[in-house]
Amino acid sequence: MKAFILAAGVSRRLYPETYNTPKCLLDVGGKPIINYQLEAIQNIGIQEVTMIVGYHREMLIKHVTENFPGLSFEFIINNHYFETNTAYSVYLGCRKLVLEDHILMNADVIYPPELITRINDSKHETVLAVDIKKCGREEVKVIEGANQKIKAIGKELIEEHCLGEFLGVAKLSKGFNVLFSNSLTKLIDAGAKSDYFEAGIEPLLKEVDVYYSDVSDLPCLEIDFIEDLNEARSLF
């Protein structure tokens, strides 16, 4: 098992906090957001990390390599971080993703180590961390099928039909990653570089089993807005 972290984005919605700092280096509870993630993956024995970087990448690379010398990093640069989104970032790293099982995560999610332990220990090969709650328009939402399977994922789903929010943290099997890579390639070739990576998962749900893990009992938060950042600082 290896880790794959998406950390290229500009985070305009958090200006001015992110004028001079990548979002994942913002301080929450006395340490940067990215530290929570890297500590959590170290906790389950992961040692190799692929990180997609872009905005203020020199600062981020310096921080993680100096503070986590026990981890082996490979950095892949998304030079188009201003005009692309997470689908393009994952696409850039597909050659790594298809080689192994991975924990994939957005770098702007804060959570306790238990979240990573829970999805890693799941009996299912491909499982997404879901916060079961009432969602709004901004969240990436999921609709539940039978036996904890996910039958739909995306931002544009009708809120009242949704189980909750996909937090942007998942365990993906090697076999799933091959299909995911092909799906993302089709998406990018069609010009959808500004889509979220979940748009590459959605077409696969009819052909492969993708499950969810309920993490709504844990303090978890995806940080998109100043209000989220303030809430995270209260939680942690």
Protein backbone atom coordinates (compact mmCIF):
# COMPACT_ATOMS: atom_id res chain seq x y z
CA MET A 1 0.00 0.00 0.00
CA LYS A 2 1.23 3.47 -0.97
CA ALA A 3 -0.15 6.99 -0.68
CA PHE A 4 -1.18 9.40 -3.43
CA ILE A 5 -1.80 12.99 -2.33
CA LEU A 6 -3.27 15.82 -4.40
CA ALA A 7 -1.72 19.12 -3.33
CA ALA A 8 -1.46 21.29 -6.45
CA GLY A 9 -4.39 23.66 -6.07
CA VAL A 10 -4.42 27.44 -5.61
CA SER A 11 -7.36 27.63 -3.14
CA ARG A 12 -8.63 31.04 -4.23
CA ARG A 13 -11.66 30.64 -1.97
CA LEU A 14 -9.34 30.88 1.03
CA TYR A 15 -7.67 34.16 0.01
CA PRO A 16 -5.99 35.96 1.74
CA GLU A 17 -4.94 32.95 3.88
CA THR A 18 -3.44 31.24 0.83
CA TYR A 19 -1.81 34.21 -0.92
CA ASN A 20 1.65 33.04 0.12
CA THR A 21 0.99 29.54 1.47
CA PRO A 22 -0.46 26.37 -0.07
CA LYS A 23 -3.68 25.39 1.67
CA CYS A 24 -2.28 22.18 3.13
CA LEU A 25 0.39 24.14 5.03
CA LEU A 26 -2.15 26.30 6.86
CA ASP A 27 -1.93 25.84 10.61
CA VAL A 28 -4.70 23.93 12.38
CA GLY A 29 -4.24 23.02 16.02
CA GLY A 30 -0.55 23.91 16.05
CA LYS A 31 0.58 22.10 12.90
CA PRO A 32 -0.06 22.17 9.14
CA ILE A 33 -2.98 20.23 7.68
CA ILE A 34 -0.65 18.00 5.66
CA ASN A 35 1.05 16.80 8.86
CA TYR A 36 -2.17 15.15 10.04
CA GLN A 37 -2.32 13.17 6.81
CA LEU A 38 1.33 12.14 6.70
CA GLU A 39 1.28 11.11 10.35
CA ALA A 40 -1.85 9.02 9.69
CA ILE A 41 -0.31 7.12 6.78
CA GLN A 42 2.90 6.54 8.73
CA ASN A 43 0.72 5.10 11.47
CA ILE A 44 -0.37 2.24 9.17
CA GLY A 45 3.15 1.64 7.85
CA ILE A 46 3.01 3.44 4.50
CA GLN A 47 6.44 4.69 3.48
CA GLU A 48 6.08 5.76 -0.16
CA VAL A 49 4.14 8.85 -1.19
CA THR A 50 3.37 10.26 -4.62
CA MET A 51 2.41 13.92 -4.28
CA ILE A 52 1.00 16.08 -7.06
CA VAL A 53 2.23 19.62 -6.45
CA GLY A 54 1.83 22.98 -8.16
CA TYR A 55 1.03 26.17 -6.27
CA HIS A 56 3.93 27.25 -3.97
CA ARG A 57 5.40 23.78 -4.54
CA GLU A 58 8.91 24.69 -3.37
CA MET A 59 7.55 25.58 0.08
CA LEU A 60 5.52 22.38 0.30
CA ILE A 61 8.31 20.09 -0.92
CA LYS A 62 10.75 21.64 1.57
CA HIS A 63 8.31 21.20 4.45
CA VAL A 64 7.42 17.55 3.89
CA THR A 65 10.93 16.35 3.08
CA GLU A 66 12.43 18.10 6.12
CA ASN A 67 9.69 17.10 8.57
CA PHE A 68 9.05 13.54 7.36
CA PRO A 69 12.49 12.08 6.57
CA GLY A 70 11.15 8.55 7.07
CA LEU A 71 8.89 8.87 4.04
CA SER A 72 10.01 8.46 0.44
CA PHE A 73 8.40 11.12 -1.76
CA GLU A 74 7.98 11.36 -5.51
CA PHE A 75 6.74 14.77 -6.60
CA ILE A 76 4.84 15.22 -9.86
CA ILE A 77 4.31 18.81 -10.97
CA ASN A 78 0.99 20.04 -12.29
CA ASN A 79 2.20 23.15 -14.12
CA HIS A 80 -1.38 24.02 -15.05
CA TYR A 81 -2.64 24.26 -11.47
CA PHE A 82 -4.42 27.59 -12.09
CA GLU A 83 -6.74 26.25 -14.79
CA THR A 84 -7.09 22.54 -13.97
CA ASN A 85 -8.65 20.49 -11.18
CA THR A 86 -8.14 17.20 -9.37
CA ALA A 87 -9.04 14.98 -12.36
CA TYR A 88 -6.05 16.36 -14.24
CA SER A 89 -3.79 16.04 -11.20
CA VAL A 90 -4.64 12.37 -10.74
CA TYR A 91 -4.26 11.81 -14.48
CA LEU A 92 -0.69 13.16 -14.31
CA GLY A 93 0.20 10.50 -11.76
CA CYS A 94 -1.66 7.54 -13.27
CA ARG A 95 1.56 5.74 -14.21
CA LYS A 96 2.26 5.44 -10.46
CA LEU A 97 -1.32 4.83 -9.38
CA VAL A 98 -1.80 1.74 -11.55
CA LEU A 99 1.20 -0.08 -10.04
CA GLU A 100 -0.11 -0.59 -6.49
CA ASP A 101 -3.01 -0.35 -4.09
CA HIS A 102 -3.14 3.25 -2.87
CA ILE A 103 -4.62 5.51 -0.25
CA LEU A 104 -5.66 8.52 -2.33
CA MET A 105 -6.48 11.83 -0.70
CA ASN A 106 -6.99 15.49 -1.28
CA ALA A 107 -4.44 17.46 0.75
CA ASP A 108 -7.07 19.80 2.20
CA VAL A 109 -8.87 17.26 4.42
CA ILE A 110 -8.18 17.13 8.14
CA TYR A 111 -8.98 14.04 10.20
CA PRO A 112 -7.64 11.86 13.04
CA PRO A 113 -5.44 8.81 12.26
CA GLU A 114 -8.42 6.52 12.92
CA LEU A 115 -9.94 7.48 9.55
CA ILE A 116 -7.01 6.06 7.58
CA THR A 117 -6.85 2.99 9.83
CA ARG A 118 -10.55 2.35 9.31
CA ILE A 119 -10.54 2.44 5.51
CA ASN A 120 -7.24 0.54 5.34
CA ASP A 121 -8.64 -2.22 7.57
CA SER A 122 -11.90 -2.47 5.59
CA LYS A 123 -12.57 -5.91 4.12
CA HIS A 124 -13.40 -4.21 0.83
CA GLU A 125 -10.67 -3.54 -1.72
CA THR A 126 -11.98 -0.14 -2.82
CA VAL A 127 -13.63 2.00 -0.20
CA LEU A 128 -14.40 5.72 0.13
CA ALA A 129 -14.57 7.65 3.40
CA VAL A 130 -18.07 9.16 3.65
CA ASP A 131 -19.44 11.60 6.21
CA ILE A 132 -23.11 10.64 6.49
CA LYS A 133 -25.02 13.90 6.78
CA LYS A 134 -27.32 16.30 4.99
CA CYS A 135 -25.33 17.91 2.18
CA GLY A 136 -25.43 21.16 0.28
CA ARG A 137 -24.54 21.97 -3.28
CA GLU A 138 -20.78 22.37 -2.75
CA GLU A 139 -20.04 18.91 -1.36
CA VAL A 140 -19.09 15.91 -3.47
CA LYS A 141 -22.00 13.63 -2.63
CA VAL A 142 -22.71 9.91 -2.86
CA ILE A 143 -25.88 7.88 -3.31
CA GLU A 144 -26.00 4.53 -1.54
CA GLY A 145 -26.78 1.22 -3.22
CA ALA A 146 -27.12 -2.21 -1.59
CA ASN A 147 -24.66 -3.58 0.97
CA GLN A 148 -22.75 -0.33 1.50
CA LYS A 149 -22.00 0.05 -2.19
CA ILE A 150 -21.91 3.45 -3.85
CA LYS A 151 -24.09 3.77 -6.94
CA ALA A 152 -23.55 7.45 -7.77
CA ILE A 153 -21.01 10.15 -6.92
CA GLY A 154 -20.66 13.82 -7.82
CA LYS A 155 -21.41 17.42 -6.90
CA GLU A 156 -24.55 17.74 -9.00
CA LEU A 157 -26.57 14.96 -7.36
CA ILE A 158 -29.93 15.88 -5.82
CA GLU A 159 -29.18 16.57 -2.15
CA GLU A 160 -32.19 14.80 -0.64
CA HIS A 161 -31.28 11.54 -2.41
CA CYS A 162 -27.74 11.49 -1.05
CA LEU A 163 -26.22 9.52 1.79
CA GLY A 164 -23.55 12.08 2.62
CA GLU A 165 -20.29 13.69 1.59
CA PHE A 166 -17.30 11.90 0.11
CA LEU A 167 -14.42 13.45 2.04
CA GLY A 168 -11.80 12.98 -0.67
CA VAL A 169 -10.01 10.10 1.09
CA ALA A 170 -10.17 6.57 -0.34
CA LYS A 171 -8.50 3.18 -0.47
CA LEU A 172 -8.22 2.10 -4.10
CA SER A 173 -7.17 -1.36 -5.28
CA LYS A 174 -4.63 -1.84 -8.05
CA GLY A 175 -7.32 -3.35 -10.26
CA PHE A 176 -9.61 -0.38 -9.70
CA ASN A 177 -6.76 2.02 -10.42
CA VAL A 178 -6.24 0.55 -13.89
CA LEU A 179 -9.92 1.20 -14.71
CA PHE A 180 -9.77 4.60 -13.02
CA SER A 181 -6.73 5.59 -15.06
CA ASN A 182 -8.47 4.64 -18.30
CA SER A 183 -11.57 6.56 -17.28
CA LEU A 184 -9.55 9.67 -16.43
CA THR A 185 -7.66 9.46 -19.71
CA LYS A 186 -10.95 9.49 -21.63
CA LEU A 187 -12.13 12.42 -19.51
CA ILE A 188 -9.00 14.49 -20.09
CA ASP A 189 -8.89 13.62 -23.80
CA ALA A 190 -12.45 14.97 -24.02
CA GLY A 191 -11.21 18.30 -22.63
CA ALA A 192 -12.48 17.99 -19.05
CA LYS A 193 -9.30 19.16 -17.31
CA SER A 194 -11.28 21.29 -14.86
CA ASP A 195 -13.34 18.36 -13.52
CA TYR A 196 -12.94 16.74 -10.12
CA PHE A 197 -11.45 13.23 -10.06
CA GLU A 198 -14.79 11.83 -8.93
CA ALA A 199 -15.94 12.32 -12.54
CA GLY A 200 -13.54 9.49 -13.38
CA ILE A 201 -15.07 7.24 -10.71
CA GLU A 202 -18.73 7.77 -11.64
CA PRO A 203 -18.68 5.78 -14.94
CA LEU A 204 -17.03 2.82 -13.19
CA LEU A 205 -19.74 2.27 -10.59
CA LYS A 206 -21.79 0.08 -12.94
CA GLU A 207 -18.89 -2.29 -13.62
CA VAL A 208 -16.94 -2.50 -10.37
CA ASP A 209 -17.91 -2.59 -6.69
CA VAL A 210 -17.01 0.58 -4.78
CA TYR A 211 -17.96 0.69 -1.11
CA TYR A 212 -18.14 3.39 1.52
CA SER A 213 -16.95 3.55 5.11
CA ASP A 214 -19.02 5.63 7.52
CA VAL A 215 -16.65 8.06 9.26
CA SER A 216 -19.32 10.44 10.54
CA ASP A 217 -18.37 9.65 14.15
CA LEU A 218 -14.90 11.16 13.59
CA PRO A 219 -13.92 14.85 13.48
CA CYS A 220 -13.28 15.19 9.73
CA LEU A 221 -13.51 18.22 7.50
CA GLU A 222 -12.64 19.20 3.95
CA ILE A 223 -11.42 22.79 4.05
CA ASP A 224 -12.69 24.90 1.16
CA PHE A 225 -13.78 28.17 2.76
CA ILE A 226 -12.70 30.43 5.63
CA GLU A 227 -15.65 29.07 7.63
CA ASP A 228 -14.28 25.54 7.19
CA LEU A 229 -10.84 26.64 8.33
CA ASN A 230 -12.28 28.26 11.43
CA GLU A 231 -14.34 25.16 12.19
CA ALA A 232 -11.26 22.94 11.77
CA ARG A 233 -9.35 25.13 14.20
CA SER A 234 -12.16 24.69 16.71
CA LEU A 235 -12.32 20.89 16.20
CA PHE A 236 -8.56 20.42 16.51
